[in-house]
C-alpha atoms as a PDB file:
ATOM      1  CA  MET A   1      79.257 105.704 140.642  1.00  0.00           C
ATOM      2  CA  ALA A   2      78.550 105.898 136.913  1.00  0.00           C
ATOM      3  CA  LYS A   3      81.442 106.227 134.492  1.00  0.00           C
ATOM      4  CA  PHE A   4      81.005 108.445 131.476  1.00  0.00           C
ATOM      5  CA  PHE A   5      83.072 108.314 128.338  1.00  0.00           C
ATOM      6  CA  PRO A   6      83.505 111.130 125.827  1.00  0.00           C
ATOM      7  CA  PHE A   7      81.031 111.004 122.961  1.00  0.00           C
ATOM      8  CA  ASP A   8      82.601 110.621 119.520  1.00  0.00           C
ATOM      9  CA  ALA A   9      80.209 110.815 116.574  1.00  0.00           C
ATOM     10  CA  VAL A  10      82.803 109.057 114.410  1.00  0.00           C
ATOM     11  CA  GLU A  11      81.813 105.747 115.976  1.00  0.00           C
ATOM     12  CA  TYR A  12      78.312 106.066 114.474  1.00  0.00           C
ATOM     13  CA  LEU A  13      79.163 107.288 110.963  1.00  0.00           C
ATOM     14  CA  GLY A  14      79.492 103.955 109.210  1.00  0.00           C
ATOM     15  CA  ASP A  15      77.185 104.349 106.226  1.00  0.00           C
ATOM     16  CA  GLU A  16      76.156 106.960 103.655  1.00  0.00           C
ATOM     17  CA  ALA A  17      72.593 107.371 104.976  1.00  0.00           C
ATOM     18  CA  THR A  18      73.799 108.180 108.491  1.00  0.00           C
ATOM     19  CA  ILE A  19      76.446 110.531 107.137  1.00  0.00           C
ATOM     20  CA  ALA A  20      73.864 112.336 105.015  1.00  0.00           C
ATOM     21  CA  GLU A  21      71.480 112.737 107.964  1.00  0.00           C
ATOM     22  CA  TYR A  22      74.271 113.915 110.257  1.00  0.00           C
ATOM     23  CA  THR A  23      75.535 116.567 107.827  1.00  0.00           C
ATOM     24  CA  THR A  24      71.982 117.665 107.007  1.00  0.00           C
ATOM     25  CA  ALA A  25      71.214 118.156 110.714  1.00  0.00           C
ATOM     26  CA  ALA A  26      74.448 120.143 111.098  1.00  0.00           C
ATOM     27  CA  LEU A  27      73.461 122.416 108.200  1.00  0.00           C
ATOM     28  CA  GLU A  28      70.266 123.327 110.038  1.00  0.00           C
ATOM     29  CA  ASP A  29      72.262 124.954 112.845  1.00  0.00           C
ATOM     30  CA  SER A  30      72.913 128.674 112.360  1.00  0.00           C
ATOM     31  CA  ASN A  31      76.483 128.279 113.659  1.00  0.00           C
ATOM     32  CA  PRO A  32      78.745 127.383 110.685  1.00  0.00           C
ATOM     33  CA  ASP A  33      81.227 125.697 113.048  1.00  0.00           C
ATOM     34  CA  VAL A  34      78.639 122.986 113.709  1.00  0.00           C
ATOM     35  CA  PHE A  35      78.719 122.044 110.015  1.00  0.00           C
ATOM     36  CA  LEU A  36      82.528 122.153 109.868  1.00  0.00           C
ATOM     37  CA  THR A  37      82.713 119.919 112.935  1.00  0.00           C
ATOM     38  CA  ALA A  38      80.254 117.450 111.405  1.00  0.00           C
ATOM     39  CA  VAL A  39      82.192 117.317 108.146  1.00  0.00           C
ATOM     40  CA  ARG A  40      85.434 116.842 110.068  1.00  0.00           C
ATOM     41  CA  ASP A  41      83.802 113.975 112.009  1.00  0.00           C
ATOM     42  CA  VAL A  42      82.782 112.348 108.740  1.00  0.00           C
ATOM     43  CA  ALA A  43      86.296 112.804 107.380  1.00  0.00           C
ATOM     44  CA  ARG A  44      87.778 111.148 110.458  1.00  0.00           C
ATOM     45  CA  ALA A  45      85.311 108.267 110.111  1.00  0.00           C
ATOM     46  CA  ARG A  46      86.324 107.735 106.489  1.00  0.00           C
ATOM     47  CA  GLY A  47      90.040 108.410 106.849  1.00  0.00           C
ATOM     48  CA  MET A  48      91.286 111.972 106.480  1.00  0.00           C
ATOM     49  CA  SER A  49      94.353 111.134 104.381  1.00  0.00           C
ATOM     50  CA  GLN A  50      92.429 109.128 101.801  1.00  0.00           C
ATOM     51  CA  LEU A  51      89.683 111.738 101.535  1.00  0.00           C
ATOM     52  CA  ALA A  52      92.194 114.526 101.086  1.00  0.00           C
ATOM     53  CA  LYS A  53      93.756 112.525  98.265  1.00  0.00           C
ATOM     54  CA  ASP A  54      90.356 111.746  96.681  1.00  0.00           C
ATOM     55  CA  ALA A  55      89.425 115.437  96.851  1.00  0.00           C
ATOM     56  CA  GLY A  56      92.752 116.530  95.363  1.00  0.00           C
ATOM     57  CA  LEU A  57      93.625 118.476  98.507  1.00  0.00           C
ATOM     58  CA  GLY A  58      96.549 118.315 100.881  1.00  0.00           C
ATOM     59  CA  ARG A  59      95.792 116.684 104.216  1.00  0.00           C
ATOM     60  CA  GLU A  60      96.996 119.747 106.109  1.00  0.00           C
ATOM     61  CA  SER A  61      94.851 122.026 103.932  1.00  0.00           C
ATOM     62  CA  LEU A  62      91.839 119.888 104.650  1.00  0.00           C
ATOM     63  CA  TYR A  63      92.384 120.011 108.417  1.00  0.00           C
ATOM     64  CA  LYS A  64      92.783 123.782 108.183  1.00  0.00           C
ATOM     65  CA  ALA A  65      89.582 124.161 106.142  1.00  0.00           C
ATOM     66  CA  LEU A  66      87.582 122.124 108.665  1.00  0.00           C
ATOM     67  CA  THR A  67      88.795 123.878 111.792  1.00  0.00           C
ATOM     68  CA  PRO A  68      86.069 125.722 113.727  1.00  0.00           C
ATOM     69  CA  GLY A  69      86.186 129.379 112.730  1.00  0.00           C
ATOM     70  CA  ALA A  70      87.617 128.601 109.283  1.00  0.00           C
ATOM     71  CA  LYS A  71      86.021 130.065 106.214  1.00  0.00           C
ATOM     72  CA  PRO A  72      86.676 127.380 103.585  1.00  0.00           C
ATOM     73  CA  ARG A  73      86.159 128.261  99.947  1.00  0.00           C
ATOM     74  CA  TYR A  74      83.102 126.872  98.238  1.00  0.00           C
ATOM     75  CA  ASP A  75      85.160 124.899  95.724  1.00  0.00           C
ATOM     76  CA  THR A  76      87.173 123.289  98.547  1.00  0.00           C
ATOM     77  CA  MET A  77      84.013 122.127 100.320  1.00  0.00           C
ATOM     78  CA  ARG A  78      82.479 120.972  97.035  1.00  0.00           C
ATOM     79  CA  LYS A  79      85.523 118.810  96.221  1.00  0.00           C
ATOM     80  CA  PHE A  80      85.611 117.399  99.706  1.00  0.00           C
ATOM     81  CA  LEU A  81      81.892 116.615  99.889  1.00  0.00           C
ATOM     82  CA  HIS A  82      82.094 114.978  96.462  1.00  0.00           C
ATOM     83  CA  ALA A  83      84.955 112.777  97.710  1.00  0.00           C
ATOM     84  CA  LEU A  84      82.737 111.843 100.673  1.00  0.00           C
ATOM     85  CA  GLY A  85      79.910 110.899  98.321  1.00  0.00           C
ATOM     86  CA  VAL A  86      77.643 113.580  99.776  1.00  0.00           C
ATOM     87  CA  LYS A  87      75.903 116.389  97.932  1.00  0.00           C
ATOM     88  CA  LEU A  88      74.210 119.463  99.286  1.00  0.00           C
ATOM     89  CA  SER A  89      70.770 120.455  98.108  1.00  0.00           C
ATOM     90  CA  ALA A  90      68.355 123.288  98.745  1.00  0.00           C
ATOM     91  CA  SER A  91      64.697 123.005  99.613  1.00  0.00           C
ATOM     92  CA  PRO A  92      62.048 125.607 100.359  1.00  0.00           C
ATOM     93  CA  ILE A  93      61.566 126.754 103.932  1.00  0.00           C
ATOM     94  CA  HIS A  94      58.105 125.911 105.188  1.00  0.00           C
ATOM     95  CA  SER A  95      56.688 128.227 107.829  1.00  0.00           C
END
């Protein structure tokens, strides 16, 4: 009988290129909770407490902002993504 273990993306988020691809893929999903989950995974991979400090946010506030269903403010996400070393960009949609 095969044994399965829970998948945890955190184990694979060890470098900036992977983090950028992971968050970019999450942004392509129409469900905003997918992006919040991806960002929370990245935060866990990097260390939530340190990232909260680097972003100038309280750790509890950061957890709250990244909870599925949350509606974090733009400036909160901007600070956090900057602390992660990730930036968002826009590109034209090609049909």
